[in-house]
Each structure stands twice: as C-alpha cells, then as structure tokens.
C-alpha cells in the first residue's frame, strides 16, 4: 500500500493535524477515501479539510501545498474504482457503512 502524509487544520482547534493515508494517483491528482474503517462517522481529517480545504501533503520526500475537495457524484465512480484497486477493503467498508463514504481529490497548488 502506498501512503502519504496529509496535514489539515483542525476545524475546532485551528491546529495542524497530520494523518497517514492510503492513496491512489489519478494523473497529477491524489485520491483519498474517507472510509474511517467503515465507521458510521466521517474521519476527523475529512471534516477538517471540508472546513479548511488548503492542506499540506508529503509523498515520499516530496512536500507540497494542495487544495482538497470532495469528488462530485459524476467523478466518484471512476475514482472509487481506482482507489479500491489500491485497497480493495474500501468496497467492504462501503457495503457495511450507513453513510456514503466520500472520495477526496487532492490537487497541488502552484
């Protein structure tokens, strides 16, 4: 599994919050899944980036600033397939979750 480090700003505290996450790559974009292990709650990192979409990312030695957004309904199916190919457990998580698990697109800012 490939992972990256995502740093968000806490929606309540305003403090930086770093999380290691599995990702898939779609061209220059990174794709994350807010599965929270199939929990009924969105993960804190997802709630943070919805509130503050400017994030910092580290992939290997490459560190950069990025903007995060939730994939649209039209984008999600293809991106879900891509992410599930990187971590097939996502399909099981969605089948057992009582919420729609979001897919997040991370795009580097210039």
PDB file of N, CA and C in Angstrom:
ATOM      1  N   UNK A   1       0.843  -1.186   0.000  1.00  0.00           N
ATOM      2  CA  UNK A   1       0.000   0.000   0.000  1.00  0.00           C
ATOM      3  C   UNK A   1       0.881   1.241   0.000  1.00  0.00           C
ATOM      4  N   UNK A   2       0.462   2.203  -0.762  1.00  0.00           N
ATOM      5  CA  UNK A   2       1.180   3.471  -0.786  1.00  0.00           C
ATOM      6  C   UNK A   2       0.456   4.449   0.128  1.00  0.00           C
ATOM      7  N   UNK A   3       1.229   5.177   0.917  1.00  0.00           N
ATOM      8  CA  UNK A   3       0.634   6.145   1.828  1.00  0.00           C
ATOM      9  C   UNK A   3       1.276   7.506   1.649  1.00  0.00           C
ATOM     10  N   UNK A   4       0.523   8.504   2.034  1.00  0.00           N
ATOM     11  CA  UNK A   4       1.022   9.871   2.073  1.00  0.00           C
ATOM     12  C   UNK A   4       0.706  10.448   3.435  1.00  0.00           C
ATOM     13  N   UNK A   5       1.335  11.559   3.751  1.00  0.00           N
ATOM     14  CA  UNK A   5       1.020  12.289   4.970  1.00  0.00           C
ATOM     15  C   UNK A   5       0.200  13.507   4.586  1.00  0.00           C
ATOM     16  N   UNK A   6      -0.972  13.608   5.167  1.00  0.00           N
ATOM     17  CA  UNK A   6      -1.867  14.734   4.926  1.00  0.00           C
ATOM     18  C   UNK A   6      -1.919  15.579   6.188  1.00  0.00           C
ATOM     19  N   UNK A   7      -1.650  16.873   6.042  1.00  0.00           N
ATOM     20  CA  UNK A   7      -1.767  17.785   7.180  1.00  0.00           C
ATOM     21  C   UNK A   7      -2.927  18.719   6.916  1.00  0.00           C
ATOM     22  N   UNK A   8      -3.914  18.643   7.784  1.00  0.00           N
ATOM     23  CA  UNK A   8      -5.080  19.518   7.721  1.00  0.00           C
ATOM     24  C   UNK A   8      -5.013  20.489   8.893  1.00  0.00           C
ATOM     25  N   UNK A   9      -5.891  21.474   8.869  1.00  0.00           N
ATOM     26  CA  UNK A   9      -6.025  22.383  10.003  1.00  0.00           C
ATOM     27  C   UNK A   9      -7.291  21.986  10.749  1.00  0.00           C
ATOM     28  N   UNK A  10      -7.162  21.777  12.054  1.00  0.00           N
ATOM     29  CA  UNK A  10      -8.300  21.359  12.864  1.00  0.00           C
ATOM     30  C   UNK A  10      -9.451  22.346  12.754  1.00  0.00           C
ATOM     31  N   UNK A  11     -10.633  21.848  12.502  1.00  0.00           N
ATOM     32  CA  UNK A  11     -11.801  22.727  12.307  1.00  0.00           C
ATOM     33  C   UNK A  11     -12.210  23.426  13.595  1.00  0.00           C
ATOM     34  N   UNK A  12     -11.883  22.844  14.734  1.00  0.00           N
ATOM     35  CA  UNK A  12     -12.213  23.461  16.013  1.00  0.00           C
ATOM     36  C   UNK A  12     -10.993  24.148  16.629  1.00  0.00           C
ATOM     37  N   UNK A  13      -9.859  23.453  16.607  1.00  0.00           N
ATOM     38  CA  UNK A  13      -8.663  23.965  17.287  1.00  0.00           C
ATOM     39  C   UNK A  13      -7.832  24.902  16.419  1.00  0.00           C
ATOM     40  N   UNK A  14      -7.915  24.731  15.104  1.00  0.00           N
ATOM     41  CA  UNK A  14      -7.058  25.501  14.207  1.00  0.00           C
ATOM     42  C   UNK A  14      -5.630  24.976  14.159  1.00  0.00           C
ATOM     43  N   UNK A  15      -5.343  23.917  14.899  1.00  0.00           N
ATOM     44  CA  UNK A  15      -4.003  23.346  14.966  1.00  0.00           C
ATOM     45  C   UNK A  15      -3.770  22.372  13.808  1.00  0.00           C
ATOM     46  N   UNK A  16      -2.510  22.241  13.368  1.00  0.00           N
ATOM     47  CA  UNK A  16      -2.225  21.275  12.309  1.00  0.00           C
ATOM     48  C   UNK A  16      -2.433  19.840  12.803  1.00  0.00           C
ATOM     49  N   UNK A  17      -3.006  19.025  11.930  1.00  0.00           N
ATOM     50  CA  UNK A  17      -3.276  17.621  12.237  1.00  0.00           C
ATOM     51  C   UNK A  17      -2.731  16.769  11.098  1.00  0.00           C
ATOM     52  N   UNK A  18      -1.786  15.893  11.392  1.00  0.00           N
ATOM     53  CA  UNK A  18      -1.155  15.055  10.366  1.00  0.00           C
ATOM     54  C   UNK A  18      -1.702  13.638  10.450  1.00  0.00           C
ATOM     55  N   UNK A  19      -2.023  13.097   9.275  1.00  0.00           N
ATOM     56  CA  UNK A  19      -2.577  11.750   9.187  1.00  0.00           C
ATOM     57  C   UNK A  19      -1.923  11.010   8.029  1.00  0.00           C
ATOM     58  N   UNK A  20      -1.539   9.769   8.247  1.00  0.00           N
ATOM     59  CA  UNK A  20      -1.041   8.911   7.172  1.00  0.00           C
ATOM     60  C   UNK A  20      -2.235   8.227   6.527  1.00  0.00           C
ATOM     61  N   UNK A  21      -2.315   8.315   5.196  1.00  0.00           N
ATOM     62  CA  UNK A  21      -3.467   7.772   4.476  1.00  0.00           C
ATOM     63  C   UNK A  21      -3.036   7.001   3.236  1.00  0.00           C
ATOM     64  N   UNK A  22      -3.768   5.955   2.939  1.00  0.00           N
ATOM     65  CA  UNK A  22      -3.599   5.231   1.682  1.00  0.00           C
ATOM     66  C   UNK A  22      -4.098   6.141   0.563  1.00  0.00           C
ATOM     67  N   UNK A  23      -3.420   6.116  -0.564  1.00  0.00           N
ATOM     68  CA  UNK A  23      -3.869   6.937  -1.687  1.00  0.00           C
ATOM     69  C   UNK A  23      -3.757   6.179  -2.998  1.00  0.00           C
ATOM     70  N   UNK A  24      -4.472   6.691  -3.980  1.00  0.00           N
ATOM     71  CA  UNK A  24      -4.322   6.275  -5.369  1.00  0.00           C
ATOM     72  C   UNK A  24      -3.952   7.533  -6.138  1.00  0.00           C
ATOM     73  N   UNK A  25      -3.350   7.359  -7.278  1.00  0.00           N
ATOM     74  CA  UNK A  25      -2.957   8.514  -8.079  1.00  0.00           C
ATOM     75  C   UNK A  25      -3.742   8.519  -9.376  1.00  0.00           C
ATOM     76  N   UNK A  26      -4.258   9.704  -9.725  1.00  0.00           N
ATOM     77  CA  UNK A  26      -5.006   9.914 -10.960  1.00  0.00           C
ATOM     78  C   UNK A  26      -4.318  11.050 -11.705  1.00  0.00           C
ATOM     79  N   UNK A  27      -3.344  10.714 -12.534  1.00  0.00           N
ATOM     80  CA  UNK A  27      -2.538  11.742 -13.182  1.00  0.00           C
ATOM     81  C   UNK A  27      -1.745  12.489 -12.128  1.00  0.00           C
ATOM     82  N   UNK A  28      -1.907  13.816 -12.092  1.00  0.00           N
ATOM     83  CA  UNK A  28      -1.222  14.651 -11.101  1.00  0.00           C
ATOM     84  C   UNK A  28      -1.986  14.750  -9.788  1.00  0.00           C
ATOM     85  N   UNK A  29      -3.165  14.166  -9.736  1.00  0.00           N
ATOM     86  CA  UNK A  29      -4.007  14.265  -8.544  1.00  0.00           C
ATOM     87  C   UNK A  29      -3.848  13.043  -7.653  1.00  0.00           C
ATOM     88  N   UNK A  30      -4.088  13.259  -6.367  1.00  0.00           N
ATOM     89  CA  UNK A  30      -4.085  12.174  -5.396  1.00  0.00           C
ATOM     90  C   UNK A  30      -5.527  11.945  -4.963  1.00  0.00           C
ATOM     91  N   UNK A  31      -5.879  10.685  -4.782  1.00  0.00           N
ATOM     92  CA  UNK A  31      -7.248  10.310  -4.441  1.00  0.00           C
ATOM     93  C   UNK A  31      -7.232   9.622  -3.081  1.00  0.00           C
ATOM     94  N   UNK A  32      -8.059  10.127  -2.171  1.00  0.00           N
ATOM     95  CA  UNK A  32      -8.185   9.586  -0.816  1.00  0.00           C
ATOM     96  C   UNK A  32      -9.620   9.145  -0.592  1.00  0.00           C
ATOM     97  N   UNK A  33      -9.808   8.203   0.314  1.00  0.00           N
ATOM     98  CA  UNK A  33     -11.148   7.725   0.647  1.00  0.00           C
ATOM     99  C   UNK A  33     -11.379   7.950   2.138  1.00  0.00           C
ATOM    100  N   UNK A  34     -12.470   8.628   2.464  1.00  0.00           N
ATOM    101  CA  UNK A  34     -12.810   8.925   3.855  1.00  0.00           C
ATOM    102  C   UNK A  34     -13.572   7.780   4.493  1.00  0.00           C
ATOM    103  N   UNK A  35     -12.956   6.603   4.516  1.00  0.00           N
ATOM    104  CA  UNK A  35     -13.671   5.398   4.959  1.00  0.00           C
ATOM    105  C   UNK A  35     -13.827   5.305   6.473  1.00  0.00           C
ATOM    106  N   UNK A  36     -12.810   5.749   7.200  1.00  0.00           N
ATOM    107  CA  UNK A  36     -12.811   5.611   8.660  1.00  0.00           C
ATOM    108  C   UNK A  36     -13.108   4.165   9.057  1.00  0.00           C
ATOM    109  N   UNK A  37     -12.558   3.232   8.265  1.00  0.00           N
ATOM    110  CA  UNK A  37     -12.734   1.811   8.564  1.00  0.00           C
ATOM    111  C   UNK A  37     -14.168   1.331   8.461  1.00  0.00           C
ATOM    112  N   UNK A  38     -15.002   2.043   7.704  1.00  0.00           N
ATOM    113  CA  UNK A  38     -16.403   1.667   7.572  1.00  0.00           C
ATOM    114  C   UNK A  38     -17.278   2.176   8.703  1.00  0.00           C
ATOM    115  N   UNK A  39     -16.726   3.020   9.546  1.00  0.00           N
ATOM    116  CA  UNK A  39     -17.464   3.610  10.668  1.00  0.00           C
ATOM    117  C   UNK A  39     -18.661   4.426  10.174  1.00  0.00           C
ATOM    118  N   UNK A  40     -19.599   4.674  11.061  1.00  0.00           N
ATOM    119  CA  UNK A  40     -20.758   5.493  10.708  1.00  0.00           C
ATOM    120  C   UNK A  40     -20.431   6.990  10.718  1.00  0.00           C
ATOM    121  N   UNK A  41     -19.212   7.346  11.110  1.00  0.00           N
ATOM    122  CA  UNK A  41     -18.799   8.750  11.177  1.00  0.00           C
ATOM    123  C   UNK A  41     -17.691   9.014  10.166  1.00  0.00           C
ATOM    124  N   UNK A  42     -17.709  10.204   9.598  1.00  0.00           N
ATOM    125  CA  UNK A  42     -16.599  10.612   8.744  1.00  0.00           C
ATOM    126  C   UNK A  42     -15.345  10.761   9.611  1.00  0.00           C
ATOM    127  N   UNK A  43     -14.172  10.495   9.042  1.00  0.00           N
ATOM    128  CA  UNK A  43     -12.935  10.696   9.813  1.00  0.00           C
ATOM    129  C   UNK A  43     -12.690  12.185  10.064  1.00  0.00           C
ATOM    130  N   UNK A  44     -12.004  12.484  11.145  1.00  0.00           N
ATOM    131  CA  UNK A  44     -11.724  13.883  11.510  1.00  0.00           C
ATOM    132  C   UNK A  44     -10.964  14.604  10.404  1.00  0.00           C
ATOM    133  N   UNK A  45     -10.012  13.927   9.755  1.00  0.00           N
ATOM    134  CA  UNK A  45      -9.246  14.599   8.702  1.00  0.00           C
ATOM    135  C   UNK A  45     -10.157  15.071   7.576  1.00  0.00           C
ATOM    136  N   UNK A  46     -11.186  14.286   7.272  1.00  0.00           N
ATOM    137  CA  UNK A  46     -12.129  14.682   6.217  1.00  0.00           C
ATOM    138  C   UNK A  46     -12.937  15.907   6.652  1.00  0.00           C
ATOM    139  N   UNK A  47     -13.447  15.888   7.858  1.00  0.00           N
ATOM    140  CA  UNK A  47     -14.212  17.036   8.358  1.00  0.00           C
ATOM    141  C   UNK A  47     -13.339  18.291   8.388  1.00  0.00           C
ATOM    142  N   UNK A  48     -12.070  18.126   8.746  1.00  0.00           N
ATOM    143  CA  UNK A  48     -11.147  19.261   8.764  1.00  0.00           C
ATOM    144  C   UNK A  48     -10.957  19.849   7.371  1.00  0.00           C
ATOM    145  N   UNK A  49     -10.747  19.005   6.366  1.00  0.00           N
ATOM    146  CA  UNK A  49     -10.476  19.555   5.037  1.00  0.00           C
ATOM    147  C   UNK A  49     -11.732  20.111   4.373  1.00  0.00           C
ATOM    148  N   UNK A  50     -12.898  19.635   4.762  1.00  0.00           N
ATOM    149  CA  UNK A  50     -14.131  20.251   4.260  1.00  0.00           C
ATOM    150  C   UNK A  50     -14.211  21.696   4.756  1.00  0.00           C
ATOM    151  N   UNK A  51     -13.832  21.894   6.009  1.00  0.00           N
ATOM    152  CA  UNK A  51     -13.845  23.229   6.616  1.00  0.00           C
ATOM    153  C   UNK A  51     -12.687  24.089   6.118  1.00  0.00           C
ATOM    154  N   UNK A  52     -11.519  23.479   5.956  1.00  0.00           N
ATOM    155  CA  UNK A  52     -10.301  24.189   5.529  1.00  0.00           C
ATOM    156  C   UNK A  52      -9.643  23.374   4.417  1.00  0.00           C
ATOM    157  N   UNK A  53      -9.992  23.626   3.154  1.00  0.00           N
ATOM    158  CA  UNK A  53      -9.502  22.780   2.059  1.00  0.00           C
ATOM    159  C   UNK A  53      -8.030  22.958   1.694  1.00  0.00           C
ATOM    160  N   UNK A  54      -7.369  23.943   2.249  1.00  0.00           N
ATOM    161  CA  UNK A  54      -5.937  24.112   1.996  1.00  0.00           C
ATOM    162  C   UNK A  54      -5.192  23.139   2.910  1.00  0.00           C
ATOM    163  N   UNK A  55      -4.405  22.249   2.306  1.00  0.00           N
ATOM    164  CA  UNK A  55      -3.724  21.201   3.056  1.00  0.00           C
ATOM    165  C   UNK A  55      -2.256  21.144   2.659  1.00  0.00           C
ATOM    166  N   UNK A  56      -1.470  20.452   3.454  1.00  0.00           N
ATOM    167  CA  UNK A  56      -0.081  20.145   3.116  1.00  0.00           C
ATOM    168  C   UNK A  56       0.002  18.638   2.927  1.00  0.00           C
ATOM    169  N   UNK A  57       0.824  18.240   1.964  1.00  0.00           N
ATOM    170  CA  UNK A  57       0.937  16.823   1.624  1.00  0.00           C
ATOM    171  C   UNK A  57       2.413  16.452   1.533  1.00  0.00           C
ATOM    172  N   UNK A  58       2.727  15.240   1.971  1.00  0.00           N
ATOM    173  CA  UNK A  58       4.059  14.696   1.768  1.00  0.00           C
ATOM    174  C   UNK A  58       3.911  13.297   1.185  1.00  0.00           C
ATOM    175  N   UNK A  59       4.521  13.109   0.017  1.00  0.00           N
ATOM    176  CA  UNK A  59       4.568  11.805  -0.636  1.00  0.00           C
ATOM    177  C   UNK A  59       6.044  11.477  -0.797  1.00  0.00           C
ATOM    178  N   UNK A  60       6.521  10.527  -0.028  1.00  0.00           N
ATOM    179  CA  UNK A  60       7.958  10.264  -0.008  1.00  0.00           C
ATOM    180  C   UNK A  60       8.676  11.508   0.482  1.00  0.00           C
ATOM    181  N   UNK A  61       9.676  11.965  -0.265  1.00  0.00           N
ATOM    182  CA  UNK A  61      10.412  13.178   0.103  1.00  0.00           C
ATOM    183  C   UNK A  61       9.768  14.441  -0.448  1.00  0.00           C
ATOM    184  N   UNK A  62       8.755  14.284  -1.305  1.00  0.00           N
ATOM    185  CA  UNK A  62       8.094  15.422  -1.947  1.00  0.00           C
ATOM    186  C   UNK A  62       7.051  16.038  -1.011  1.00  0.00           C
ATOM    187  N   UNK A  63       7.264  17.300  -0.650  1.00  0.00           N
ATOM    188  CA  UNK A  63       6.324  18.029   0.213  1.00  0.00           C
ATOM    189  C   UNK A  63       5.746  19.182  -0.599  1.00  0.00           C
ATOM    190  N   UNK A  64       4.415  19.386  -0.494  1.00  0.00           N
ATOM    191  CA  UNK A  64       3.783  20.455  -1.265  1.00  0.00           C
ATOM    192  C   UNK A  64       2.460  20.874  -0.633  1.00  0.00           C
ATOM    193  N   UNK A  65       2.030  22.070  -1.021  1.00  0.00           N
ATOM    194  CA  UNK A  65       0.726  22.567  -0.613  1.00  0.00           C
ATOM    195  C   UNK A  65      -0.286  22.147  -1.660  1.00  0.00           C
ATOM    196  N   UNK A  66      -1.516  21.916  -1.210  1.00  0.00           N
ATOM    197  CA  UNK A  66      -2.542  21.422  -2.115  1.00  0.00           C
ATOM    198  C   UNK A  66      -3.910  21.934  -1.676  1.00  0.00           C
ATOM    199  N   UNK A  67      -4.866  21.719  -2.543  1.00  0.00           N
ATOM    200  CA  UNK A  67      -6.259  22.030  -2.248  1.00  0.00           C
ATOM    201  C   UNK A  67      -7.031  20.718  -2.339  1.00  0.00           C
ATOM    202  N   UNK A  68      -7.879  20.478  -1.361  1.00  0.00           N
ATOM    203  CA  UNK A  68      -8.658  19.242  -1.294  1.00  0.00           C
ATOM    204  C   UNK A  68     -10.127  19.549  -1.565  1.00  0.00           C
ATOM    205  N   UNK A  69     -10.777  18.606  -2.222  1.00  0.00           N
ATOM    206  CA  UNK A  69     -12.218  18.742  -2.426  1.00  0.00           C
ATOM    207  C   UNK A  69     -12.836  17.361  -2.532  1.00  0.00           C
ATOM    208  N   UNK A  70     -14.101  17.279  -2.195  1.00  0.00           N
ATOM    209  CA  UNK A  70     -14.835  16.029  -2.324  1.00  0.00           C
ATOM    210  C   UNK A  70     -15.194  15.832  -3.794  1.00  0.00           C
ATOM    211  N   UNK A  71     -14.992  14.628  -4.275  1.00  0.00           N
ATOM    212  CA  UNK A  71     -15.345  14.310  -5.660  1.00  0.00           C
ATOM    213  C   UNK A  71     -16.846  14.484  -5.869  1.00  0.00           C
ATOM    214  N   UNK A  72     -17.203  14.948  -7.046  1.00  0.00           N
ATOM    215  CA  UNK A  72     -18.617  15.086  -7.396  1.00  0.00           C
ATOM    216  C   UNK A  72     -19.220  13.706  -7.640  1.00  0.00           C
ATOM    217  N   UNK A  73     -20.531  13.657  -7.709  1.00  0.00           N
ATOM    218  CA  UNK A  73     -21.222  12.392  -7.989  1.00  0.00           C
ATOM    219  C   UNK A  73     -20.791  11.821  -9.336  1.00  0.00           C
ATOM    220  N   UNK A  74     -20.476  12.682 -10.288  1.00  0.00           N
ATOM    221  CA  UNK A  74     -20.038  12.224 -11.606  1.00  0.00           C
ATOM    222  C   UNK A  74     -18.600  11.689 -11.566  1.00  0.00           C
ATOM    223  N   UNK A  75     -17.749  12.293 -10.753  1.00  0.00           N
ATOM    224  CA  UNK A  75     -16.350  11.873 -10.658  1.00  0.00           C
ATOM    225  C   UNK A  75     -16.156  10.625  -9.817  1.00  0.00           C
ATOM    226  N   UNK A  76     -17.004  10.450  -8.836  1.00  0.00           N
ATOM    227  CA  UNK A  76     -16.768   9.435  -7.804  1.00  0.00           C
ATOM    228  C   UNK A  76     -16.660   7.997  -8.319  1.00  0.00           C
ATOM    229  N   UNK A  77     -17.527   7.502  -9.190  1.00  0.00           N
ATOM    230  CA  UNK A  77     -17.430   6.086  -9.567  1.00  0.00           C
ATOM    231  C   UNK A  77     -16.061   5.675 -10.113  1.00  0.00           C
ATOM    232  N   UNK A  78     -15.510   6.446 -11.016  1.00  0.00           N
ATOM    233  CA  UNK A  78     -14.206   6.107 -11.592  1.00  0.00           C
ATOM    234  C   UNK A  78     -13.103   6.211 -10.546  1.00  0.00           C
ATOM    235  N   UNK A  79     -13.182   7.238  -9.698  1.00  0.00           N
ATOM    236  CA  UNK A  79     -12.161   7.411  -8.671  1.00  0.00           C
ATOM    237  C   UNK A  79     -12.274   6.342  -7.587  1.00  0.00           C
ATOM    238  N   UNK A  80     -13.498   5.939  -7.277  1.00  0.00           N
ATOM    239  CA  UNK A  80     -13.688   4.861  -6.302  1.00  0.00           C
ATOM    240  C   UNK A  80     -13.041   3.580  -6.815  1.00  0.00           C
ATOM    241  N   UNK A  81     -13.271   3.262  -8.073  1.00  0.00           N
ATOM    242  CA  UNK A  81     -12.675   2.065  -8.676  1.00  0.00           C
ATOM    243  C   UNK A  81     -11.155   2.128  -8.590  1.00  0.00           C
ATOM    244  N   UNK A  82     -10.595   3.290  -8.882  1.00  0.00           N
ATOM    245  CA  UNK A  82      -9.150   3.478  -8.803  1.00  0.00           C
ATOM    246  C   UNK A  82      -8.651   3.259  -7.373  1.00  0.00           C
ATOM    247  N   UNK A  83      -9.326   3.882  -6.404  1.00  0.00           N
ATOM    248  CA  UNK A  83      -8.921   3.755  -5.002  1.00  0.00           C
ATOM    249  C   UNK A  83      -9.090   2.320  -4.508  1.00  0.00           C
ATOM    250  N   UNK A  84     -10.175   1.672  -4.894  1.00  0.00           N
ATOM    251  CA  UNK A  84     -10.419   0.296  -4.462  1.00  0.00           C
ATOM    252  C   UNK A  84      -9.419  -0.672  -5.085  1.00  0.00           C
ATOM    253  N   UNK A  85      -8.845  -0.300  -6.213  1.00  0.00           N
ATOM    254  CA  UNK A  85      -7.793  -1.156  -6.779  1.00  0.00           C
ATOM    255  C   UNK A  85      -6.522  -1.068  -5.928  1.00  0.00           C
ATOM    256  N   UNK A  86      -6.326   0.064  -5.263  1.00  0.00           N
ATOM    257  CA  UNK A  86      -5.180   0.228  -4.364  1.00  0.00           C
ATOM    258  C   UNK A  86      -5.444  -0.437  -3.005  1.00  0.00           C
ATOM    259  N   UNK A  87      -6.707  -0.444  -2.572  1.00  0.00           N
ATOM    260  CA  UNK A  87      -7.071  -1.008  -1.264  1.00  0.00           C
ATOM    261  C   UNK A  87      -8.483  -1.590  -1.369  1.00  0.00           C
ATOM    262  N   UNK A  88      -8.609  -2.849  -1.776  1.00  0.00           N
ATOM    263  CA  UNK A  88      -9.927  -3.462  -2.021  1.00  0.00           C
ATOM    264  C   UNK A  88     -10.878  -3.448  -0.825  1.00  0.00           C
ATOM    265  N   UNK A  89     -10.369  -3.310   0.383  1.00  0.00           N
ATOM    266  CA  UNK A  89     -11.225  -3.293   1.577  1.00  0.00           C
ATOM    267  C   UNK A  89     -12.236  -2.135   1.544  1.00  0.00           C
ATOM    268  N   UNK A  90     -11.962  -1.097   0.749  1.00  0.00           N
ATOM    269  CA  UNK A  90     -12.909   0.026   0.660  1.00  0.00           C
ATOM    270  C   UNK A  90     -14.299  -0.448   0.248  1.00  0.00           C
ATOM    271  N   UNK A  91     -14.376  -1.416  -0.650  1.00  0.00           N
ATOM    272  CA  UNK A  91     -15.684  -1.921  -1.080  1.00  0.00           C
ATOM    273  C   UNK A  91     -16.444  -2.545   0.085  1.00  0.00           C
ATOM    274  N   UNK A  92     -15.740  -3.282   0.936  1.00  0.00           N
ATOM    275  CA  UNK A  92     -16.367  -3.869   2.117  1.00  0.00           C
ATOM    276  C   UNK A  92     -16.810  -2.780   3.082  1.00  0.00           C
ATOM    277  N   UNK A  93     -15.975  -1.786   3.274  1.00  0.00           N
ATOM    278  CA  UNK A  93     -16.339  -0.681   4.164  1.00  0.00           C
ATOM    279  C   UNK A  93     -17.623  -0.006   3.697  1.00  0.00           C
ATOM    280  N   UNK A  94     -17.726   0.264   2.385  1.00  0.00           N
ATOM    281  CA  UNK A  94     -18.921   0.939   1.881  1.00  0.00           C
ATOM    282  C   UNK A  94     -20.156   0.063   2.040  1.00  0.00           C
ATOM    283  N   UNK A  95     -19.983  -1.240   1.847  1.00  0.00           N
ATOM    284  CA  UNK A  95     -21.122  -2.157   1.966  1.00  0.00           C
ATOM    285  C   UNK A  95     -21.674  -2.207   3.385  1.00  0.00           C
ATOM    286  N   UNK A  96     -20.825  -1.985   4.377  1.00  0.00           N
ATOM    287  CA  UNK A  96     -21.275  -2.070   5.766  1.00  0.00           C
ATOM    288  C   UNK A  96     -21.550  -0.704   6.411  1.00  0.00           C
ATOM    289  N   UNK A  97     -21.092   0.369   5.794  1.00  0.00           N
ATOM    290  CA  UNK A  97     -21.280   1.708   6.379  1.00  0.00           C
ATOM    291  C   UNK A  97     -22.713   2.178   6.153  1.00  0.00           C
ATOM    292  N   UNK A  98     -23.226   2.937   7.093  1.00  0.00           N
ATOM    293  CA  UNK A  98     -24.570   3.502   6.921  1.00  0.00           C
ATOM    294  C   UNK A  98     -24.487   4.960   6.459  1.00  0.00           C
ATOM    295  N   UNK A  99     -23.421   5.271   5.728  1.00  0.00           N
ATOM    296  CA  UNK A  99     -23.232   6.598   5.162  1.00  0.00           C
ATOM    297  C   UNK A  99     -22.540   6.444   3.818  1.00  0.00           C
ATOM    298  N   UNK A 100     -22.633   7.448   3.009  1.00  0.00           N
ATOM    299  CA  UNK A 100     -21.912   7.470   1.744  1.00  0.00           C
ATOM    300  C   UNK A 100     -20.474   7.863   2.039  1.00  0.00           C
ATOM    301  N   UNK A 101     -19.542   6.980   1.756  1.00  0.00           N
ATOM    302  CA  UNK A 101     -18.137   7.254   2.031  1.00  0.00           C
ATOM    303  C   UNK A 101     -17.606   8.203   0.957  1.00  0.00           C
ATOM    304  N   UNK A 102     -17.029   9.331   1.373  1.00  0.00           N
ATOM    305  CA  UNK A 102     -16.560  10.307   0.391  1.00  0.00           C
ATOM    306  C   UNK A 102     -15.212   9.939  -0.228  1.00  0.00           C
ATOM    307  N   UNK A 103     -15.038  10.389  -1.453  1.00  0.00           N
ATOM    308  CA  UNK A 103     -13.756  10.313  -2.139  1.00  0.00           C
ATOM    309  C   UNK A 103     -13.242  11.741  -2.239  1.00  0.00           C
ATOM    310  N   UNK A 104     -11.974  11.927  -1.925  1.00  0.00           N
ATOM    311  CA  UNK A 104     -11.368  13.261  -1.899  1.00  0.00           C
ATOM    312  C   UNK A 104     -10.304  13.358  -2.982  1.00  0.00           C
ATOM    313  N   UNK A 105     -10.311  14.478  -3.673  1.00  0.00           N
ATOM    314  CA  UNK A 105      -9.309  14.768  -4.689  1.00  0.00           C
ATOM    315  C   UNK A 105      -8.359  15.817  -4.115  1.00  0.00           C
ATOM    316  N   UNK A 106      -7.072  15.530  -4.193  1.00  0.00           N
ATOM    317  CA  UNK A 106      -6.032  16.452  -3.725  1.00  0.00           C
ATOM    318  C   UNK A 106      -5.290  16.945  -4.959  1.00  0.00           C
ATOM    319  N   UNK A 107      -5.267  18.265  -5.133  1.00  0.00           N
ATOM    320  CA  UNK A 107      -4.587  18.860  -6.267  1.00  0.00           C
ATOM    321  C   UNK A 107      -3.539  19.851  -5.783  1.00  0.00           C
ATOM    322  N   UNK A 108      -2.336  19.661  -6.267  1.00  0.00           N
ATOM    323  CA  UNK A 108      -1.215  20.530  -5.920  1.00  0.00           C
ATOM    324  C   UNK A 108      -1.530  21.954  -6.359  1.00  0.00           C
ATOM    325  N   UNK A 109      -1.149  22.938  -5.520  1.00  0.00           N
ATOM    326  CA  UNK A 109      -1.295  24.341  -5.909  1.00  0.00           C
ATOM    327  C   UNK A 109       0.061  24.868  -6.349  1.00  0.00           C
ATOM    328  N   UNK A 110       0.033  25.798  -7.291  1.00  0.00           N
ATOM    329  CA  UNK A 110       1.295  26.341  -7.826  1.00  0.00           C
ATOM    330  C   UNK A 110       1.971  27.256  -6.850  1.00  0.00           C
TER     331      UNK A 110
END
